[in-house]
């Protein structure tokens, strides 16, 4: 059985999905419907920054992945780090962000192959809003989010790991934008957005699942 472990923030935990699955649960459900032997752990915490996520990643992933031979671990740095403060600085500066991400991936890579999950596009609101976690006044802009997405793609390429480019993929058409329209921050998708992310992730991971099935059948034979 393949174990899928999702470590991330609001997008990972599936906030605003009326079916209470999020994209991680939807992805797992689709694999099950296709006959794959798979289950998942969702370790998403809404509004968490990467420095905080990095502190818990090993502690929470280890008991779920230790001794597991067939697993993937998904890492999703969230939008909380990319929020812009009143003076337009990023809430987590680029150096701190990348340092904590590198440490997190290094630790998790020792447990299972890592899949890096990029940030989704946002609807840019014209006013600052209080952060629901800290109360800081924040706003979001697609310009720094796109820049981080491109940097994450480069990091994934350097490490030879799979990258789910949610910014590029969810920017296509208007369906994903429609799913975040009624979120006050223009960030968190409703059910339709989670469905789109799951479909994209499924397409990217399909070859991995098929290859694993072939390997399992060879062993069984």
N, C-alpha and C. Protein backbone atom coordinates (compact mmCIF):
# COMPACT_ATOMS: atom_id res chain seq x y z
N UNK A 1 0.84 -1.20 0.00
CA UNK A 1 0.00 0.00 0.00
C UNK A 1 0.87 1.24 0.00
N UNK A 2 0.52 2.21 -0.86
CA UNK A 2 1.26 3.46 -0.91
C UNK A 2 0.70 4.45 0.10
N UNK A 3 1.57 5.08 0.84
CA UNK A 3 1.19 6.11 1.80
C UNK A 3 1.47 7.48 1.20
N UNK A 4 0.47 8.33 1.20
CA UNK A 4 0.63 9.72 0.77
C UNK A 4 0.53 10.60 2.01
N UNK A 5 1.57 11.36 2.28
CA UNK A 5 1.60 12.22 3.46
C UNK A 5 1.67 13.67 2.99
N UNK A 6 0.68 14.45 3.35
CA UNK A 6 0.57 15.85 2.91
C UNK A 6 0.88 16.77 4.09
N UNK A 7 1.95 17.55 3.97
CA UNK A 7 2.33 18.50 5.00
C UNK A 7 2.25 19.91 4.42
N UNK A 8 1.40 20.73 4.99
CA UNK A 8 1.24 22.05 4.42
C UNK A 8 0.35 22.94 5.26
N UNK A 9 -0.31 23.87 4.59
CA UNK A 9 -1.09 24.87 5.31
C UNK A 9 -2.55 24.85 4.85
N UNK A 10 -3.13 26.01 4.59
CA UNK A 10 -4.56 26.11 4.35
C UNK A 10 -5.02 25.31 3.14
N UNK A 11 -4.30 25.42 2.02
CA UNK A 11 -4.68 24.69 0.81
C UNK A 11 -4.64 23.19 1.07
N UNK A 12 -3.62 22.73 1.79
CA UNK A 12 -3.49 21.30 2.08
C UNK A 12 -4.61 20.80 2.96
N UNK A 13 -4.96 21.54 4.00
CA UNK A 13 -5.96 21.03 4.95
C UNK A 13 -7.36 21.00 4.36
N UNK A 14 -7.57 21.69 3.24
CA UNK A 14 -8.87 21.62 2.56
C UNK A 14 -9.91 22.58 3.09
N UNK A 15 -9.47 23.69 3.65
CA UNK A 15 -10.41 24.69 4.14
C UNK A 15 -11.37 25.11 3.02
N UNK A 16 -12.61 25.27 3.36
CA UNK A 16 -13.68 25.74 2.47
C UNK A 16 -14.17 24.68 1.49
N UNK A 17 -13.70 23.46 1.59
CA UNK A 17 -14.24 22.39 0.75
C UNK A 17 -15.46 21.81 1.45
N UNK A 18 -16.63 22.00 0.89
CA UNK A 18 -17.87 21.55 1.54
C UNK A 18 -17.94 20.03 1.66
N UNK A 19 -17.12 19.31 0.89
CA UNK A 19 -17.10 17.86 0.99
C UNK A 19 -16.06 17.37 2.01
N UNK A 20 -15.37 18.31 2.65
CA UNK A 20 -14.42 18.00 3.71
C UNK A 20 -13.33 17.03 3.26
N UNK A 21 -12.93 17.14 2.00
CA UNK A 21 -11.87 16.29 1.46
C UNK A 21 -10.61 17.07 1.13
N UNK A 22 -10.80 18.29 0.64
CA UNK A 22 -9.65 19.04 0.14
C UNK A 22 -9.09 18.34 -1.09
N UNK A 23 -8.07 18.95 -1.68
CA UNK A 23 -7.53 18.31 -2.89
C UNK A 23 -6.79 17.02 -2.55
N UNK A 24 -6.22 16.95 -1.35
CA UNK A 24 -5.50 15.73 -0.95
C UNK A 24 -6.45 14.54 -0.83
N UNK A 25 -7.59 14.74 -0.20
CA UNK A 25 -8.57 13.68 -0.07
C UNK A 25 -9.18 13.30 -1.41
N UNK A 26 -9.41 14.28 -2.25
CA UNK A 26 -9.96 14.01 -3.58
C UNK A 26 -8.98 13.21 -4.43
N UNK A 27 -7.71 13.56 -4.33
CA UNK A 27 -6.68 12.83 -5.07
C UNK A 27 -6.63 11.37 -4.61
N UNK A 28 -6.61 11.16 -3.31
CA UNK A 28 -6.57 9.81 -2.76
C UNK A 28 -7.80 9.02 -3.18
N UNK A 29 -8.96 9.65 -3.12
CA UNK A 29 -10.20 8.98 -3.51
C UNK A 29 -10.16 8.53 -4.97
N UNK A 30 -9.62 9.37 -5.83
CA UNK A 30 -9.54 9.01 -7.24
C UNK A 30 -8.62 7.81 -7.46
N UNK A 31 -7.49 7.79 -6.76
CA UNK A 31 -6.60 6.64 -6.88
C UNK A 31 -7.27 5.36 -6.39
N UNK A 32 -8.04 5.47 -5.30
CA UNK A 32 -8.76 4.30 -4.79
C UNK A 32 -9.80 3.81 -5.80
N UNK A 33 -10.49 4.74 -6.43
CA UNK A 33 -11.49 4.36 -7.43
C UNK A 33 -10.85 3.65 -8.62
N UNK A 34 -9.61 3.96 -8.88
CA UNK A 34 -8.88 3.33 -9.99
C UNK A 34 -8.27 1.99 -9.60
N UNK A 35 -8.45 1.62 -8.34
CA UNK A 35 -7.97 0.32 -7.91
C UNK A 35 -6.61 0.32 -7.27
N UNK A 36 -6.03 1.49 -7.04
CA UNK A 36 -4.73 1.55 -6.37
C UNK A 36 -4.90 1.30 -4.87
N UNK A 37 -3.91 0.68 -4.29
CA UNK A 37 -3.88 0.49 -2.84
C UNK A 37 -3.15 1.68 -2.24
N UNK A 38 -3.90 2.60 -1.64
CA UNK A 38 -3.32 3.87 -1.19
C UNK A 38 -4.13 4.43 -0.02
N UNK A 39 -3.45 5.14 0.86
CA UNK A 39 -4.14 5.90 1.89
C UNK A 39 -3.33 7.17 2.14
N UNK A 40 -3.91 8.12 2.89
CA UNK A 40 -3.19 9.38 3.06
C UNK A 40 -3.34 9.93 4.48
N UNK A 41 -2.35 10.75 4.84
CA UNK A 41 -2.38 11.54 6.07
C UNK A 41 -2.40 13.00 5.66
N UNK A 42 -3.33 13.76 6.21
CA UNK A 42 -3.38 15.20 5.94
C UNK A 42 -2.87 15.95 7.17
N UNK A 43 -1.70 16.55 7.01
CA UNK A 43 -1.07 17.29 8.11
C UNK A 43 -1.06 18.79 7.81
N UNK A 44 -2.16 19.26 7.25
CA UNK A 44 -2.27 20.69 6.93
C UNK A 44 -2.80 21.49 8.12
N UNK A 45 -2.20 22.66 8.34
CA UNK A 45 -2.66 23.58 9.39
C UNK A 45 -2.88 24.95 8.76
N UNK A 46 -4.11 25.48 8.81
CA UNK A 46 -4.42 26.75 8.18
C UNK A 46 -3.57 27.91 8.72
N UNK A 47 -3.12 28.76 7.82
CA UNK A 47 -2.45 30.00 8.19
C UNK A 47 -1.04 29.86 8.71
N UNK A 48 -0.46 28.69 8.61
CA UNK A 48 0.87 28.46 9.16
C UNK A 48 1.96 28.99 8.24
N UNK A 49 3.00 29.57 8.81
CA UNK A 49 4.16 30.00 8.03
C UNK A 49 5.18 28.88 7.95
N UNK A 50 6.07 28.98 6.98
CA UNK A 50 7.06 27.92 6.77
C UNK A 50 8.00 27.72 7.96
N UNK A 51 8.46 28.78 8.63
CA UNK A 51 9.30 28.55 9.81
C UNK A 51 8.62 27.71 10.88
N UNK A 52 7.31 27.87 11.03
CA UNK A 52 6.56 27.08 12.01
C UNK A 52 6.37 25.66 11.49
N UNK A 53 6.01 25.53 10.22
CA UNK A 53 5.83 24.22 9.61
C UNK A 53 7.12 23.40 9.71
N UNK A 54 8.26 24.05 9.48
CA UNK A 54 9.54 23.35 9.50
C UNK A 54 9.82 22.71 10.86
N UNK A 55 9.34 23.35 11.92
CA UNK A 55 9.59 22.84 13.27
C UNK A 55 8.83 21.55 13.55
N UNK A 56 7.67 21.37 12.90
CA UNK A 56 6.84 20.21 13.20
C UNK A 56 6.95 19.11 12.15
N UNK A 57 7.54 19.41 11.00
CA UNK A 57 7.51 18.47 9.87
C UNK A 57 8.08 17.10 10.24
N UNK A 58 9.27 17.07 10.78
CA UNK A 58 9.89 15.79 11.11
C UNK A 58 9.11 15.08 12.21
N UNK A 59 8.71 15.83 13.23
CA UNK A 59 8.01 15.25 14.38
C UNK A 59 6.71 14.58 13.95
N UNK A 60 6.00 15.18 13.01
CA UNK A 60 4.70 14.64 12.62
C UNK A 60 4.81 13.61 11.50
N UNK A 61 5.80 13.76 10.64
CA UNK A 61 5.93 12.83 9.52
C UNK A 61 6.57 11.51 9.93
N UNK A 62 7.52 11.57 10.85
CA UNK A 62 8.29 10.37 11.19
C UNK A 62 7.44 9.20 11.66
N UNK A 63 6.52 9.38 12.61
CA UNK A 63 5.74 8.22 13.05
C UNK A 63 4.80 7.69 11.97
N UNK A 64 4.52 8.48 10.96
CA UNK A 64 3.63 8.04 9.89
C UNK A 64 4.39 7.39 8.73
N UNK A 65 5.67 7.70 8.61
CA UNK A 65 6.45 7.19 7.47
C UNK A 65 7.55 6.21 7.88
N UNK A 66 7.87 6.16 9.15
CA UNK A 66 8.94 5.27 9.60
C UNK A 66 8.57 3.82 9.31
N UNK A 67 9.44 3.12 8.63
CA UNK A 67 9.20 1.72 8.30
C UNK A 67 8.29 1.51 7.10
N UNK A 68 7.80 2.59 6.50
CA UNK A 68 6.94 2.50 5.31
C UNK A 68 7.82 2.45 4.07
N UNK A 69 7.66 1.43 3.26
CA UNK A 69 8.53 1.24 2.10
C UNK A 69 8.05 2.01 0.87
N UNK A 70 6.76 2.27 0.78
CA UNK A 70 6.20 2.91 -0.42
C UNK A 70 5.41 4.14 -0.01
N UNK A 71 6.01 5.31 -0.20
CA UNK A 71 5.35 6.54 0.25
C UNK A 71 5.78 7.73 -0.60
N UNK A 72 4.97 8.75 -0.56
CA UNK A 72 5.31 10.06 -1.10
C UNK A 72 4.95 11.09 -0.03
N UNK A 73 5.77 12.11 0.12
CA UNK A 73 5.46 13.18 1.06
C UNK A 73 5.37 14.49 0.30
N UNK A 74 4.23 15.14 0.41
CA UNK A 74 3.95 16.39 -0.29
C UNK A 74 4.23 17.55 0.66
N UNK A 75 4.97 18.53 0.20
CA UNK A 75 5.29 19.71 1.01
C UNK A 75 4.70 20.94 0.34
N UNK A 76 3.82 21.65 1.06
CA UNK A 76 3.17 22.84 0.52
C UNK A 76 3.45 24.05 1.39
N UNK A 77 4.45 24.87 1.04
CA UNK A 77 4.63 26.14 1.74
C UNK A 77 3.43 27.03 1.41
N UNK A 78 2.82 27.63 2.40
CA UNK A 78 1.57 28.32 2.17
C UNK A 78 1.66 29.79 1.83
N UNK A 79 0.48 30.38 1.65
CA UNK A 79 0.39 31.80 1.31
C UNK A 79 0.75 32.71 2.47
N UNK A 80 0.67 32.20 3.71
CA UNK A 80 0.94 33.06 4.86
C UNK A 80 2.32 33.70 4.78
N UNK A 81 3.29 32.96 4.25
CA UNK A 81 4.64 33.51 4.10
C UNK A 81 4.70 34.61 3.05
N UNK A 82 3.81 34.54 2.07
CA UNK A 82 3.87 35.43 0.91
C UNK A 82 2.97 36.66 1.05
N UNK A 83 2.24 36.73 2.16
CA UNK A 83 1.41 37.91 2.40
C UNK A 83 2.29 39.15 2.49
N UNK A 84 1.76 40.26 1.99
CA UNK A 84 2.48 41.53 2.04
C UNK A 84 1.97 42.38 3.19
N UNK A 85 2.90 42.94 3.95
CA UNK A 85 2.54 43.79 5.09
C UNK A 85 2.28 45.22 4.61
N UNK A 86 2.01 46.11 5.54
CA UNK A 86 1.68 47.50 5.19
C UNK A 86 2.75 48.16 4.36
N UNK A 87 4.03 47.85 4.65
CA UNK A 87 5.13 48.47 3.91
C UNK A 87 5.54 47.66 2.68
N UNK A 88 4.69 46.71 2.29
CA UNK A 88 4.88 45.87 1.10
C UNK A 88 5.99 44.83 1.23
N UNK A 89 6.53 44.65 2.46
CA UNK A 89 7.48 43.57 2.68
C UNK A 89 6.73 42.25 2.77
N UNK A 90 7.39 41.18 2.31
CA UNK A 90 6.81 39.86 2.49
C UNK A 90 6.85 39.48 3.96
N UNK A 91 5.83 38.80 4.42
CA UNK A 91 5.75 38.41 5.83
C UNK A 91 6.94 37.53 6.22
N UNK A 92 7.36 36.63 5.33
CA UNK A 92 8.58 35.85 5.54
C UNK A 92 9.53 36.20 4.41
N UNK A 93 10.68 36.78 4.73
CA UNK A 93 11.59 37.21 3.66
C UNK A 93 12.13 36.01 2.89
N UNK A 94 12.63 36.27 1.69
CA UNK A 94 13.02 35.21 0.77
C UNK A 94 14.11 34.31 1.33
N UNK A 95 15.09 34.91 2.02
CA UNK A 95 16.19 34.11 2.57
C UNK A 95 15.71 33.15 3.63
N UNK A 96 14.89 33.65 4.56
CA UNK A 96 14.35 32.80 5.62
C UNK A 96 13.45 31.71 5.05
N UNK A 97 12.64 32.09 4.09
CA UNK A 97 11.72 31.15 3.45
C UNK A 97 12.48 29.98 2.83
N UNK A 98 13.47 30.31 2.01
CA UNK A 98 14.20 29.25 1.30
C UNK A 98 15.04 28.39 2.26
N UNK A 99 15.59 29.02 3.29
CA UNK A 99 16.39 28.25 4.25
C UNK A 99 15.54 27.21 4.97
N UNK A 100 14.36 27.61 5.42
CA UNK A 100 13.48 26.67 6.13
C UNK A 100 12.92 25.61 5.17
N UNK A 101 12.65 25.99 3.94
CA UNK A 101 12.16 25.02 2.98
C UNK A 101 13.22 23.96 2.68
N UNK A 102 14.46 24.40 2.52
CA UNK A 102 15.56 23.47 2.23
C UNK A 102 15.74 22.47 3.37
N UNK A 103 15.75 22.97 4.60
CA UNK A 103 15.89 22.10 5.76
C UNK A 103 14.74 21.10 5.82
N UNK A 104 13.53 21.58 5.59
CA UNK A 104 12.35 20.72 5.65
C UNK A 104 12.42 19.61 4.60
N UNK A 105 12.78 19.98 3.37
CA UNK A 105 12.87 18.97 2.32
C UNK A 105 14.00 17.99 2.58
N UNK A 106 15.11 18.47 3.11
CA UNK A 106 16.23 17.57 3.44
C UNK A 106 15.80 16.51 4.45
N UNK A 107 15.09 16.96 5.48
CA UNK A 107 14.64 16.04 6.53
C UNK A 107 13.64 15.02 5.97
N UNK A 108 12.67 15.50 5.22
CA UNK A 108 11.62 14.62 4.73
C UNK A 108 12.11 13.70 3.63
N UNK A 109 13.08 14.16 2.87
CA UNK A 109 13.62 13.34 1.78
C UNK A 109 14.28 12.08 2.31
N UNK A 110 14.68 12.12 3.58
CA UNK A 110 15.25 10.92 4.18
C UNK A 110 14.20 9.90 4.56
N UNK A 111 12.92 10.29 4.49
CA UNK A 111 11.83 9.38 4.85
C UNK A 111 11.10 8.84 3.62
N UNK A 112 10.95 9.69 2.60
CA UNK A 112 10.20 9.31 1.40
C UNK A 112 10.49 10.33 0.31
N UNK A 113 10.27 9.96 -0.95
CA UNK A 113 10.40 10.94 -2.03
C UNK A 113 9.48 12.14 -1.79
N UNK A 114 10.00 13.34 -2.04
CA UNK A 114 9.26 14.57 -1.79
C UNK A 114 8.61 15.07 -3.08
N UNK A 115 7.38 15.52 -2.96
CA UNK A 115 6.69 16.24 -4.03
C UNK A 115 6.48 17.66 -3.52
N UNK A 116 7.03 18.64 -4.23
CA UNK A 116 6.92 20.03 -3.81
C UNK A 116 5.68 20.65 -4.45
N UNK A 117 4.87 21.29 -3.63
CA UNK A 117 3.60 21.87 -4.09
C UNK A 117 3.71 23.39 -4.05
N UNK A 118 3.53 24.02 -5.19
CA UNK A 118 3.65 25.47 -5.28
C UNK A 118 2.39 26.21 -4.87
N UNK A 119 2.48 27.53 -4.71
CA UNK A 119 1.32 28.33 -4.30
C UNK A 119 0.34 28.55 -5.46
N UNK A 120 -0.90 28.77 -5.10
CA UNK A 120 -1.93 29.05 -6.09
C UNK A 120 -2.04 30.56 -6.33
N UNK A 121 -2.61 30.95 -7.48
CA UNK A 121 -2.84 32.39 -7.71
C UNK A 121 -3.93 32.91 -6.79
N UNK A 122 -3.98 34.22 -6.63
CA UNK A 122 -4.96 34.87 -5.76
C UNK A 122 -5.73 35.91 -6.54
N UNK A 123 -6.82 36.38 -5.94
CA UNK A 123 -7.50 37.58 -6.44
C UNK A 123 -6.98 38.74 -5.62
N UNK A 124 -6.43 39.72 -6.26
CA UNK A 124 -5.81 40.84 -5.55
C UNK A 124 -6.88 41.81 -5.07
N UNK A 125 -7.01 41.91 -3.76
CA UNK A 125 -7.97 42.83 -3.16
C UNK A 125 -7.32 44.21 -3.02
N UNK A 126 -8.12 45.24 -3.05
CA UNK A 126 -7.57 46.59 -3.00
C UNK A 126 -7.28 47.11 -1.61
N UNK A 127 -7.70 46.36 -0.58
CA UNK A 127 -7.52 46.84 0.79
C UNK A 127 -6.78 45.82 1.64
N UNK A 128 -6.15 46.33 2.69
CA UNK A 128 -5.50 45.44 3.66
C UNK A 128 -6.56 44.83 4.58
N UNK A 129 -6.34 43.58 4.95
CA UNK A 129 -7.26 42.89 5.86
C UNK A 129 -6.45 42.28 7.00
N UNK A 130 -7.04 42.14 8.18
CA UNK A 130 -6.31 41.56 9.30
C UNK A 130 -6.06 40.06 9.08
N UNK A 131 -4.84 39.64 9.32
CA UNK A 131 -4.51 38.23 9.24
C UNK A 131 -5.34 37.47 10.27
N UNK A 132 -6.03 36.39 9.88
CA UNK A 132 -6.87 35.67 10.85
C UNK A 132 -6.09 34.98 11.95
N UNK A 133 -4.78 34.82 11.78
CA UNK A 133 -3.95 34.16 12.79
C UNK A 133 -3.27 35.15 13.72
N UNK A 134 -2.65 36.20 13.12
CA UNK A 134 -1.85 37.13 13.92
C UNK A 134 -2.48 38.50 14.10
N UNK A 135 -3.44 38.84 13.25
CA UNK A 135 -4.04 40.16 13.31
C UNK A 135 -3.30 41.22 12.52
N UNK A 136 -2.13 40.88 11.98
CA UNK A 136 -1.38 41.82 11.15
C UNK A 136 -2.21 42.20 9.92
N UNK A 137 -2.06 43.44 9.47
CA UNK A 137 -2.76 43.88 8.27
C UNK A 137 -1.96 43.40 7.05
N UNK A 138 -2.64 42.66 6.19
CA UNK A 138 -1.95 42.04 5.05
C UNK A 138 -2.77 42.16 3.77
N UNK A 139 -2.09 41.93 2.68
CA UNK A 139 -2.75 41.79 1.38
C UNK A 139 -1.93 40.80 0.56
N UNK A 140 -2.49 40.37 -0.56
CA UNK A 140 -1.80 39.41 -1.41
C UNK A 140 -1.65 39.97 -2.82
N UNK A 141 -0.56 39.62 -3.46
CA UNK A 141 -0.29 40.03 -4.83
C UNK A 141 0.25 38.85 -5.61
N UNK A 142 -0.20 38.70 -6.86
CA UNK A 142 0.27 37.60 -7.68
C UNK A 142 1.71 37.76 -8.15
N UNK A 143 2.24 38.98 -8.12
CA UNK A 143 3.61 39.19 -8.60
C UNK A 143 4.63 38.43 -7.75
N UNK A 144 4.67 38.62 -6.42
CA UNK A 144 5.62 37.84 -5.62
C UNK A 144 5.28 36.35 -5.57
N UNK A 145 3.99 36.02 -5.65
CA UNK A 145 3.60 34.62 -5.63
C UNK A 145 4.13 33.91 -6.88
N UNK A 146 4.02 34.56 -8.01
CA UNK A 146 4.55 33.98 -9.25
C UNK A 146 6.06 33.84 -9.17
N UNK A 147 6.73 34.83 -8.61
CA UNK A 147 8.19 34.77 -8.48
C UNK A 147 8.61 33.60 -7.59
N UNK A 148 7.90 33.40 -6.50
CA UNK A 148 8.21 32.27 -5.62
C UNK A 148 7.92 30.95 -6.32
N UNK A 149 6.83 30.90 -7.07
CA UNK A 149 6.49 29.68 -7.80
C UNK A 149 7.60 29.30 -8.77
N UNK A 150 8.16 30.29 -9.46
CA UNK A 150 9.25 30.02 -10.41
C UNK A 150 10.51 29.54 -9.66
N UNK A 151 10.76 30.13 -8.49
CA UNK A 151 11.92 29.71 -7.70
C UNK A 151 11.74 28.29 -7.18
N UNK A 152 10.54 27.95 -6.76
CA UNK A 152 10.28 26.60 -6.30
C UNK A 152 10.45 25.59 -7.43
N UNK A 153 10.03 25.98 -8.64
CA UNK A 153 10.22 25.10 -9.79
C UNK A 153 11.71 24.83 -10.02
N UNK A 154 12.52 25.88 -9.87
CA UNK A 154 13.97 25.72 -10.05
C UNK A 154 14.56 24.83 -8.97
N UNK A 155 14.12 25.02 -7.73
CA UNK A 155 14.61 24.19 -6.63
C UNK A 155 14.24 22.72 -6.84
N UNK A 156 13.02 22.49 -7.27
CA UNK A 156 12.59 21.11 -7.53
C UNK A 156 13.42 20.49 -8.64
N UNK A 157 13.70 21.27 -9.65
CA UNK A 157 14.52 20.76 -10.76
C UNK A 157 15.93 20.43 -10.28
N UNK A 158 16.49 21.28 -9.44
CA UNK A 158 17.83 21.04 -8.90
C UNK A 158 17.88 19.76 -8.08
N UNK A 159 16.80 19.48 -7.37
CA UNK A 159 16.76 18.30 -6.50
C UNK A 159 16.25 17.05 -7.23
N UNK A 160 15.78 17.24 -8.45
CA UNK A 160 15.26 16.11 -9.21
C UNK A 160 13.97 15.55 -8.66
N UNK A 161 13.11 16.43 -8.14
CA UNK A 161 11.84 15.98 -7.57
C UNK A 161 10.67 16.57 -8.36
N UNK A 162 9.50 15.98 -8.15
CA UNK A 162 8.31 16.45 -8.84
C UNK A 162 7.82 17.77 -8.25
N UNK A 163 7.44 18.69 -9.12
CA UNK A 163 6.89 19.98 -8.69
C UNK A 163 5.49 20.14 -9.24
N UNK A 164 4.54 20.42 -8.38
CA UNK A 164 3.18 20.72 -8.80
C UNK A 164 3.04 22.24 -8.91
N UNK A 165 3.06 22.72 -10.13
CA UNK A 165 3.05 24.16 -10.39
C UNK A 165 1.62 24.67 -10.38
N UNK A 166 1.09 24.88 -9.20
CA UNK A 166 -0.30 25.28 -9.07
C UNK A 166 -0.54 26.70 -9.57
N UNK A 167 0.45 27.56 -9.47
CA UNK A 167 0.25 28.93 -9.94
C UNK A 167 0.00 28.94 -11.45
N UNK A 168 0.85 28.29 -12.18
CA UNK A 168 0.70 28.27 -13.64
C UNK A 168 -0.57 27.55 -14.06
N UNK A 169 -0.81 26.39 -13.47
CA UNK A 169 -1.95 25.58 -13.89
C UNK A 169 -3.28 26.22 -13.50
N UNK A 170 -3.38 26.74 -12.29
CA UNK A 170 -4.64 27.32 -11.84
C UNK A 170 -4.90 28.71 -12.43
N UNK A 171 -3.89 29.28 -13.10
CA UNK A 171 -4.06 30.57 -13.77
C UNK A 171 -4.71 30.41 -15.14
N UNK A 172 -4.82 29.18 -15.59
CA UNK A 172 -5.43 28.92 -16.89
C UNK A 172 -6.95 28.99 -16.78
N UNK A 173 -7.57 29.76 -17.65
CA UNK A 173 -9.02 29.87 -17.61
C UNK A 173 -9.52 30.65 -16.41
N UNK A 174 -10.82 30.49 -16.13
CA UNK A 174 -11.45 31.27 -15.05
C UNK A 174 -12.04 30.40 -13.94
N UNK A 175 -11.99 29.09 -14.10
CA UNK A 175 -12.66 28.20 -13.14
C UNK A 175 -12.06 28.29 -11.75
N UNK A 176 -10.73 28.31 -11.66
CA UNK A 176 -10.12 28.38 -10.33
C UNK A 176 -10.40 29.75 -9.69
N UNK A 177 -10.28 30.80 -10.47
CA UNK A 177 -10.55 32.14 -9.95
C UNK A 177 -11.96 32.23 -9.39
N UNK A 178 -12.90 31.59 -10.07
CA UNK A 178 -14.29 31.60 -9.59
C UNK A 178 -14.41 30.93 -8.22
N UNK A 179 -13.53 29.95 -7.95
CA UNK A 179 -13.62 29.22 -6.69
C UNK A 179 -13.07 30.01 -5.50
N UNK A 180 -12.32 31.08 -5.76
CA UNK A 180 -11.78 31.89 -4.67
C UNK A 180 -12.44 33.28 -4.59
N UNK A 181 -13.39 33.52 -5.49
CA UNK A 181 -14.01 34.84 -5.58
C UNK A 181 -14.67 35.27 -4.28
N UNK A 182 -15.33 34.34 -3.60
CA UNK A 182 -16.07 34.72 -2.39
C UNK A 182 -15.24 34.59 -1.12
N UNK A 183 -13.96 34.26 -1.24
CA UNK A 183 -13.09 34.28 -0.06
C UNK A 183 -12.65 35.72 0.18
N UNK A 184 -12.83 36.25 1.38
CA UNK A 184 -12.49 37.67 1.64
C UNK A 184 -11.05 38.02 1.27
N UNK A 185 -10.15 37.06 1.41
CA UNK A 185 -8.73 37.32 1.12
C UNK A 185 -8.38 36.98 -0.33
N UNK A 186 -9.32 36.36 -1.04
CA UNK A 186 -9.05 36.00 -2.42
C UNK A 186 -8.01 34.92 -2.55
N UNK A 187 -7.93 34.02 -1.58
CA UNK A 187 -6.86 33.03 -1.54
C UNK A 187 -7.39 31.60 -1.50
N UNK A 188 -8.28 31.29 -0.57
CA UNK A 188 -8.66 29.91 -0.29
C UNK A 188 -9.79 29.44 -1.22
N UNK A 189 -9.56 28.33 -1.93
CA UNK A 189 -10.57 27.86 -2.88
C UNK A 189 -11.72 27.13 -2.20
N UNK A 190 -12.89 27.20 -2.82
CA UNK A 190 -14.01 26.38 -2.41
C UNK A 190 -13.85 25.00 -3.08
N UNK A 191 -14.89 24.20 -3.03
CA UNK A 191 -14.81 22.82 -3.51
C UNK A 191 -14.32 22.71 -4.94
N UNK A 192 -14.81 23.60 -5.80
CA UNK A 192 -14.42 23.54 -7.20
C UNK A 192 -12.93 23.71 -7.41
N UNK A 193 -12.31 24.56 -6.60
CA UNK A 193 -10.86 24.77 -6.71
C UNK A 193 -10.08 23.56 -6.26
N UNK A 194 -10.53 22.93 -5.17
CA UNK A 194 -9.86 21.71 -4.71
C UNK A 194 -9.99 20.59 -5.74
N UNK A 195 -11.13 20.54 -6.41
CA UNK A 195 -11.33 19.55 -7.47
C UNK A 195 -10.33 19.77 -8.60
N UNK A 196 -10.13 21.01 -8.99
CA UNK A 196 -9.19 21.32 -10.07
C UNK A 196 -7.76 20.95 -9.68
N UNK A 197 -7.37 21.28 -8.45
CA UNK A 197 -6.02 20.94 -7.99
C UNK A 197 -5.83 19.43 -7.98
N UNK A 198 -6.84 18.70 -7.48
CA UNK A 198 -6.74 17.24 -7.43
C UNK A 198 -6.62 16.64 -8.82
N UNK A 199 -7.35 17.17 -9.78
CA UNK A 199 -7.28 16.66 -11.15
C UNK A 199 -5.90 16.90 -11.75
N UNK A 200 -5.35 18.06 -11.50
CA UNK A 200 -4.00 18.36 -12.00
C UNK A 200 -2.96 17.46 -11.34
N UNK A 201 -3.05 17.32 -10.02
CA UNK A 201 -2.10 16.47 -9.30
C UNK A 201 -2.22 15.02 -9.77
N UNK A 202 -3.43 14.57 -10.02
CA UNK A 202 -3.64 13.20 -10.50
C UNK A 202 -2.95 12.99 -11.84
N UNK A 203 -3.09 13.95 -12.73
CA UNK A 203 -2.45 13.83 -14.04
C UNK A 203 -0.93 13.77 -13.93
N UNK A 204 -0.37 14.56 -13.00
CA UNK A 204 1.08 14.58 -12.83
C UNK A 204 1.60 13.31 -12.17
N UNK A 205 0.76 12.69 -11.33
CA UNK A 205 1.20 11.53 -10.55
C UNK A 205 0.80 10.19 -11.17
N UNK A 206 0.00 10.22 -12.21
CA UNK A 206 -0.51 8.98 -12.79
C UNK A 206 0.61 8.04 -13.20
N UNK A 207 1.65 8.56 -13.82
CA UNK A 207 2.75 7.70 -14.27
C UNK A 207 3.48 7.08 -13.09
N UNK A 208 3.58 7.82 -11.98
CA UNK A 208 4.24 7.29 -10.78
C UNK A 208 3.44 6.11 -10.23
N UNK A 209 2.13 6.26 -10.19
CA UNK A 209 1.28 5.20 -9.65
C UNK A 209 1.32 3.96 -10.53
N UNK A 210 1.31 4.15 -11.85
CA UNK A 210 1.38 3.02 -12.78
C UNK A 210 2.71 2.30 -12.64
N UNK A 211 3.80 3.06 -12.54
CA UNK A 211 5.12 2.45 -12.39
C UNK A 211 5.20 1.63 -11.11
N UNK A 212 4.62 2.15 -10.05
CA UNK A 212 4.63 1.44 -8.77
C UNK A 212 3.80 0.15 -8.85
N UNK A 213 2.66 0.20 -9.58
CA UNK A 213 1.84 -0.99 -9.73
C UNK A 213 2.59 -2.08 -10.50
N UNK A 214 3.32 -1.65 -11.54
CA UNK A 214 4.10 -2.60 -12.33
C UNK A 214 5.17 -3.26 -11.47
N UNK A 215 5.84 -2.44 -10.65
CA UNK A 215 6.88 -2.96 -9.76
C UNK A 215 6.30 -3.93 -8.74
N UNK A 216 5.14 -3.59 -8.19
CA UNK A 216 4.49 -4.47 -7.19
C UNK A 216 4.10 -5.80 -7.83
N UNK A 217 3.59 -5.74 -9.06
CA UNK A 217 3.19 -6.97 -9.73
C UNK A 217 4.39 -7.86 -10.04
N UNK A 218 5.52 -7.23 -10.35
CA UNK A 218 6.74 -7.98 -10.65
C UNK A 218 7.22 -8.71 -9.39
N UNK A 219 7.11 -8.02 -8.26
CA UNK A 219 7.52 -8.63 -6.99
C UNK A 219 6.60 -9.79 -6.63
N UNK A 220 5.28 -9.56 -6.81
CA UNK A 220 4.31 -10.59 -6.49
C UNK A 220 4.49 -11.82 -7.37
N UNK A 221 4.86 -11.56 -8.63
CA UNK A 221 5.06 -12.66 -9.56
C UNK A 221 6.26 -13.49 -9.21
